[in-house]
Amino acid sequence: MLVGDLVTTKEAAELLRVSPWTVSAWLSQGKLRRVKAGGRTLIAKADP
């Protein structure tokens, strides 16, 4: 996985056209996988 393949929760929300709160909920529910990098939560663009 390359760094360019990762987005922030805000960027993921914009790409998915949902609120950042929805992305956070999906992360908590396990619907999206998170990558922790230096205290930041990142999400893979191609999350299966």
PDB file of N, CA and C in Angstrom:
ATOM      1  N   MET A   1       0.848  -1.166   0.000  1.00  0.00           N
ATOM      2  CA  MET A   1       0.000   0.000   0.000  1.00  0.00           C
ATOM      3  C   MET A   1       0.897   1.233   0.000  1.00  0.00           C
ATOM      4  N   LEU A   2       0.655   2.137  -0.920  1.00  0.00           N
ATOM      5  CA  LEU A   2       1.429   3.366  -1.018  1.00  0.00           C
ATOM      6  C   LEU A   2       0.755   4.481  -0.245  1.00  0.00           C
ATOM      7  N   VAL A   3       1.521   5.477   0.127  1.00  0.00           N
ATOM      8  CA  VAL A   3       0.961   6.608   0.876  1.00  0.00           C
ATOM      9  C   VAL A   3      -0.127   7.299   0.069  1.00  0.00           C
ATOM     10  N   GLY A   4       0.003   7.369  -1.247  1.00  0.00           N
ATOM     11  CA  GLY A   4      -1.005   7.986  -2.098  1.00  0.00           C
ATOM     12  C   GLY A   4      -2.318   7.231  -2.117  1.00  0.00           C
ATOM     13  N   ASP A   5      -2.302   6.007  -1.615  1.00  0.00           N
ATOM     14  CA  ASP A   5      -3.510   5.187  -1.572  1.00  0.00           C
ATOM     15  C   ASP A   5      -4.305   5.406  -0.296  1.00  0.00           C
ATOM     16  N   LEU A   6      -3.809   6.284   0.591  1.00  0.00           N
ATOM     17  CA  LEU A   6      -4.460   6.525   1.874  1.00  0.00           C
ATOM     18  C   LEU A   6      -5.070   7.918   1.902  1.00  0.00           C
ATOM     19  N   VAL A   7      -6.215   8.039   2.552  1.00  0.00           N
ATOM     20  CA  VAL A   7      -6.882   9.335   2.699  1.00  0.00           C
ATOM     21  C   VAL A   7      -7.263   9.533   4.159  1.00  0.00           C
ATOM     22  N   THR A   8      -7.449  10.793   4.538  1.00  0.00           N
ATOM     23  CA  THR A   8      -7.910  11.102   5.890  1.00  0.00           C
ATOM     24  C   THR A   8      -9.404  10.799   5.988  1.00  0.00           C
ATOM     25  N   THR A   9      -9.930  10.846   7.193  1.00  0.00           N
ATOM     26  CA  THR A   9     -11.360  10.606   7.356  1.00  0.00           C
ATOM     27  C   THR A   9     -12.167  11.696   6.650  1.00  0.00           C
ATOM     28  N   LYS A  10     -11.677  12.931   6.687  1.00  0.00           N
ATOM     29  CA  LYS A  10     -12.379  14.029   6.004  1.00  0.00           C
ATOM     30  C   LYS A  10     -12.387  13.802   4.491  1.00  0.00           C
ATOM     31  N   GLU A  11     -11.240  13.420   3.928  1.00  0.00           N
ATOM     32  CA  GLU A  11     -11.161  13.148   2.490  1.00  0.00           C
ATOM     33  C   GLU A  11     -12.032  11.961   2.108  1.00  0.00           C
ATOM     34  N   ALA A  12     -12.055  10.927   2.961  1.00  0.00           N
ATOM     35  CA  ALA A  12     -12.904   9.759   2.698  1.00  0.00           C
ATOM     36  C   ALA A  12     -14.368  10.172   2.678  1.00  0.00           C
ATOM     37  N   ALA A  13     -14.754  11.037   3.609  1.00  0.00           N
ATOM     38  CA  ALA A  13     -16.137  11.508   3.655  1.00  0.00           C
ATOM     39  C   ALA A  13     -16.496  12.254   2.372  1.00  0.00           C
ATOM     40  N   GLU A  14     -15.582  13.077   1.879  1.00  0.00           N
ATOM     41  CA  GLU A  14     -15.834  13.810   0.634  1.00  0.00           C
ATOM     42  C   GLU A  14     -15.940  12.855  -0.555  1.00  0.00           C
ATOM     43  N   LEU A  15     -15.063  11.860  -0.604  1.00  0.00           N
ATOM     44  CA  LEU A  15     -15.099  10.889  -1.703  1.00  0.00           C
ATOM     45  C   LEU A  15     -16.379  10.057  -1.683  1.00  0.00           C
ATOM     46  N   LEU A  16     -16.829   9.699  -0.483  1.00  0.00           N
ATOM     47  CA  LEU A  16     -18.016   8.856  -0.336  1.00  0.00           C
ATOM     48  C   LEU A  16     -19.312   9.662  -0.281  1.00  0.00           C
ATOM     49  N   ARG A  17     -19.163  10.986  -0.209  1.00  0.00           N
ATOM     50  CA  ARG A  17     -20.303  11.904  -0.130  1.00  0.00           C
ATOM     51  C   ARG A  17     -21.185  11.621   1.082  1.00  0.00           C
ATOM     52  N   VAL A  18     -20.493  11.465   2.216  1.00  0.00           N
ATOM     53  CA  VAL A  18     -21.161  11.313   3.505  1.00  0.00           C
ATOM     54  C   VAL A  18     -20.458  12.250   4.480  1.00  0.00           C
ATOM     55  N   SER A  19     -21.000  12.388   5.673  1.00  0.00           N
ATOM     56  CA  SER A  19     -20.382  13.263   6.666  1.00  0.00           C
ATOM     57  C   SER A  19     -19.185  12.550   7.306  1.00  0.00           C
ATOM     58  N   PRO A  20     -18.245  13.338   7.848  1.00  0.00           N
ATOM     59  CA  PRO A  20     -17.129  12.728   8.580  1.00  0.00           C
ATOM     60  C   PRO A  20     -17.611  11.890   9.766  1.00  0.00           C
ATOM     61  N   TRP A  21     -18.748  12.254  10.362  1.00  0.00           N
ATOM     62  CA  TRP A  21     -19.318  11.472  11.460  1.00  0.00           C
ATOM     63  C   TRP A  21     -19.703  10.081  10.983  1.00  0.00           C
ATOM     64  N   THR A  22     -20.226   9.975   9.764  1.00  0.00           N
ATOM     65  CA  THR A  22     -20.596   8.674   9.209  1.00  0.00           C
ATOM     66  C   THR A  22     -19.357   7.822   9.001  1.00  0.00           C
ATOM     67  N   VAL A  23     -18.291   8.424   8.487  1.00  0.00           N
ATOM     68  CA  VAL A  23     -17.039   7.688   8.298  1.00  0.00           C
ATOM     69  C   VAL A  23     -16.518   7.192   9.647  1.00  0.00           C
ATOM     70  N   SER A  24     -16.577   8.036  10.667  1.00  0.00           N
ATOM     71  CA  SER A  24     -16.150   7.625  12.008  1.00  0.00           C
ATOM     72  C   SER A  24     -16.989   6.464  12.530  1.00  0.00           C
ATOM     73  N   ALA A  25     -18.284   6.524  12.288  1.00  0.00           N
ATOM     74  CA  ALA A  25     -19.166   5.430  12.713  1.00  0.00           C
ATOM     75  C   ALA A  25     -18.814   4.145  11.983  1.00  0.00           C
ATOM     76  N   TRP A  26     -18.573   4.235  10.687  1.00  0.00           N
ATOM     77  CA  TRP A  26     -18.212   3.050   9.904  1.00  0.00           C
ATOM     78  C   TRP A  26     -16.890   2.454  10.393  1.00  0.00           C
ATOM     79  N   LEU A  27     -15.943   3.321  10.784  1.00  0.00           N
ATOM     80  CA  LEU A  27     -14.682   2.824  11.333  1.00  0.00           C
ATOM     81  C   LEU A  27     -14.936   2.076  12.636  1.00  0.00           C
ATOM     82  N   SER A  28     -15.775   2.636  13.490  1.00  0.00           N
ATOM     83  CA  SER A  28     -16.101   1.997  14.776  1.00  0.00           C
ATOM     84  C   SER A  28     -16.820   0.673  14.588  1.00  0.00           C
ATOM     85  N   GLN A  29     -17.661   0.596  13.554  1.00  0.00           N
ATOM     86  CA  GLN A  29     -18.429  -0.621  13.275  1.00  0.00           C
ATOM     87  C   GLN A  29     -17.619  -1.659  12.516  1.00  0.00           C
ATOM     88  N   GLY A  30     -16.426  -1.293  12.070  1.00  0.00           N
ATOM     89  CA  GLY A  30     -15.591  -2.221  11.323  1.00  0.00           C
ATOM     90  C   GLY A  30     -15.917  -2.283   9.846  1.00  0.00           C
ATOM     91  N   LYS A  31     -16.747  -1.366   9.356  1.00  0.00           N
ATOM     92  CA  LYS A  31     -17.101  -1.358   7.929  1.00  0.00           C
ATOM     93  C   LYS A  31     -15.956  -0.820   7.080  1.00  0.00           C
ATOM     94  N   LEU A  32     -15.093  -0.015   7.681  1.00  0.00           N
ATOM     95  CA  LEU A  32     -13.880   0.479   7.034  1.00  0.00           C
ATOM     96  C   LEU A  32     -12.705   0.107   7.916  1.00  0.00           C
ATOM     97  N   ARG A  33     -11.561  -0.134   7.281  1.00  0.00           N
ATOM     98  CA  ARG A  33     -10.352  -0.438   8.043  1.00  0.00           C
ATOM     99  C   ARG A  33      -9.515   0.823   8.177  1.00  0.00           C
ATOM    100  N   ARG A  34      -8.984   1.030   9.361  1.00  0.00           N
ATOM    101  CA  ARG A  34      -8.157   2.211   9.601  1.00  0.00           C
ATOM    102  C   ARG A  34      -6.689   1.820   9.635  1.00  0.00           C
ATOM    103  N   VAL A  35      -5.852   2.779   9.264  1.00  0.00           N
ATOM    104  CA  VAL A  35      -4.413   2.653   9.376  1.00  0.00           C
ATOM    105  C   VAL A  35      -3.975   3.809  10.264  1.00  0.00           C
ATOM    106  N   LYS A  36      -3.366   3.500  11.399  1.00  0.00           N
ATOM    107  CA  LYS A  36      -2.893   4.543  12.300  1.00  0.00           C
ATOM    108  C   LYS A  36      -1.463   4.902  11.904  1.00  0.00           C
ATOM    109  N   ALA A  37      -1.223   6.197  11.696  1.00  0.00           N
ATOM    110  CA  ALA A  37       0.108   6.666  11.326  1.00  0.00           C
ATOM    111  C   ALA A  37       0.402   7.941  12.096  1.00  0.00           C
ATOM    112  N   GLY A  38       1.234   7.827  13.110  1.00  0.00           N
ATOM    113  CA  GLY A  38       1.613   8.994  13.888  1.00  0.00           C
ATOM    114  C   GLY A  38       0.441   9.723  14.532  1.00  0.00           C
ATOM    115  N   GLY A  39      -0.515   8.983  15.027  1.00  0.00           N
ATOM    116  CA  GLY A  39      -1.664   9.588  15.674  1.00  0.00           C
ATOM    117  C   GLY A  39      -2.787   9.969  14.725  1.00  0.00           C
ATOM    118  N   ARG A  40      -2.565   9.808  13.445  1.00  0.00           N
ATOM    119  CA  ARG A  40      -3.597  10.113  12.451  1.00  0.00           C
ATOM    120  C   ARG A  40      -4.287   8.823  12.024  1.00  0.00           C
ATOM    121  N   THR A  41      -5.548   8.927  11.729  1.00  0.00           N
ATOM    122  CA  THR A  41      -6.302   7.793  11.198  1.00  0.00           C
ATOM    123  C   THR A  41      -6.419   7.969   9.690  1.00  0.00           C
ATOM    124  N   LEU A  42      -5.943   6.980   8.953  1.00  0.00           N
ATOM    125  CA  LEU A  42      -6.010   7.008   7.498  1.00  0.00           C
ATOM    126  C   LEU A  42      -6.798   5.802   7.015  1.00  0.00           C
ATOM    127  N   ILE A  43      -7.387   5.946   5.833  1.00  0.00           N
ATOM    128  CA  ILE A  43      -8.224   4.901   5.254  1.00  0.00           C
ATOM    129  C   ILE A  43      -7.729   4.626   3.845  1.00  0.00           C
ATOM    130  N   ALA A  44      -7.647   3.364   3.475  1.00  0.00           N
ATOM    131  CA  ALA A  44      -7.229   2.997   2.129  1.00  0.00           C
ATOM    132  C   ALA A  44      -8.330   3.340   1.134  1.00  0.00           C
ATOM    133  N   LYS A  45      -7.942   3.931   0.002  1.00  0.00           N
ATOM    134  CA  LYS A  45      -8.930   4.263  -1.039  1.00  0.00           C
ATOM    135  C   LYS A  45      -9.608   3.013  -1.564  1.00  0.00           C
ATOM    136  N   ALA A  46      -8.847   1.945  -1.696  1.00  0.00           N
ATOM    137  CA  ALA A  46      -9.386   0.698  -2.258  1.00  0.00           C
ATOM    138  C   ALA A  46      -9.691  -0.283  -1.140  1.00  0.00           C
ATOM    139  N   ASP A  47     -10.395   0.169  -0.108  1.00  0.00           N
ATOM    140  CA  ASP A  47     -10.743  -0.711   1.003  1.00  0.00           C
ATOM    141  C   ASP A  47     -11.778  -1.725   0.535  1.00  0.00           C
ATOM    142  N   PRO A  48     -11.424  -3.034   0.589  1.00  0.00           N
ATOM    143  CA  PRO A  48     -12.374  -4.048   0.085  1.00  0.00           C
ATOM    144  C   PRO A  48     -13.575  -4.225   0.981  1.00  0.00           C
TER     145      PRO A  48
END
